[in-house]
Amino acid sequence: MPVITVDWWRGNNHNDRRELIEEVSATVSRIAGCPLEAVTVVIRDVDPSYWGKGGKPASEL
């Protein structure tokens, strides 16, 4: 029963989210050898102002 969590910047649309869920689920199912229905994907939208990279807030990059 794999549970995969993806953090990404807020603002991605429903179609991008759907495609990510489908692709991640298929890959994990294949590699883990479990049924597709056993894979759970959680996507968390994070505002860039709460994300840092290279010592700076992502909202400033």
Protein backbone atom coordinates (compact mmCIF):
# COMPACT_ATOMS: atom_id res chain seq x y z
CA MET A 1 0.00 0.00 0.00
CA PRO A 2 2.44 2.69 -1.13
CA VAL A 3 1.59 6.29 -0.28
CA ILE A 4 3.44 8.89 -2.34
CA THR A 5 3.43 12.57 -1.36
CA VAL A 6 4.32 15.25 -3.90
CA ASP A 7 4.91 18.85 -2.86
CA TRP A 8 4.78 21.34 -5.70
CA TRP A 9 4.10 24.97 -6.23
CA ARG A 10 0.53 26.14 -6.07
CA GLY A 11 -0.99 27.05 -9.40
CA ASN A 12 -0.81 23.80 -11.38
CA ASN A 13 -4.07 22.99 -13.11
CA HIS A 14 -6.37 20.00 -12.74
CA ASN A 15 -5.07 18.31 -15.91
CA ASP A 16 -1.45 18.53 -14.75
CA ARG A 17 -2.46 17.10 -11.37
CA ARG A 18 -4.40 14.25 -13.01
CA GLU A 19 -1.47 13.38 -15.30
CA LEU A 20 0.98 13.40 -12.39
CA ILE A 21 -1.26 11.08 -10.36
CA GLU A 22 -1.64 8.68 -13.30
CA GLU A 23 2.07 8.57 -14.13
CA VAL A 24 3.33 8.28 -10.55
CA SER A 25 0.74 5.60 -9.75
CA ALA A 26 1.64 3.53 -12.81
CA THR A 27 5.38 3.73 -12.09
CA VAL A 28 5.05 2.85 -8.41
CA SER A 29 2.66 0.00 -9.21
CA ARG A 30 5.10 -1.45 -11.73
CA ILE A 31 8.20 -1.13 -9.56
CA ALA A 32 6.55 -2.20 -6.28
CA GLY A 33 4.66 -5.03 -7.95
CA CYS A 34 1.38 -3.99 -6.43
CA PRO A 35 -2.03 -3.33 -7.97
CA LEU A 36 -2.58 0.18 -9.30
CA GLU A 37 -5.53 0.51 -6.90
CA ALA A 38 -3.16 0.04 -3.95
CA VAL A 39 -1.18 3.20 -4.75
CA THR A 40 -2.19 6.46 -3.09
CA VAL A 41 -0.83 9.79 -4.31
CA VAL A 42 -1.17 12.93 -2.21
CA ILE A 43 -0.40 16.25 -3.88
CA ARG A 44 0.22 19.27 -1.69
CA ASP A 45 0.18 22.70 -3.26
CA VAL A 46 2.73 24.95 -1.60
CA ASP A 47 2.80 28.70 -2.06
CA PRO A 48 6.23 29.73 -3.42
CA SER A 49 6.64 32.14 -0.51
CA TYR A 50 6.81 29.08 1.79
CA TRP A 51 9.43 27.36 -0.37
CA GLY A 52 13.14 28.05 -0.34
CA LYS A 53 15.90 27.18 -2.76
CA GLY A 54 19.55 28.18 -2.67
CA GLY A 55 19.05 30.15 0.53
CA LYS A 56 16.28 32.35 -0.88
CA PRO A 57 12.48 32.20 -0.90
CA ALA A 58 11.32 30.73 -4.21
CA SER A 59 9.03 33.71 -4.65
CA GLU A 60 12.19 35.84 -5.13
CA LEU A 61 13.81 33.56 -7.72
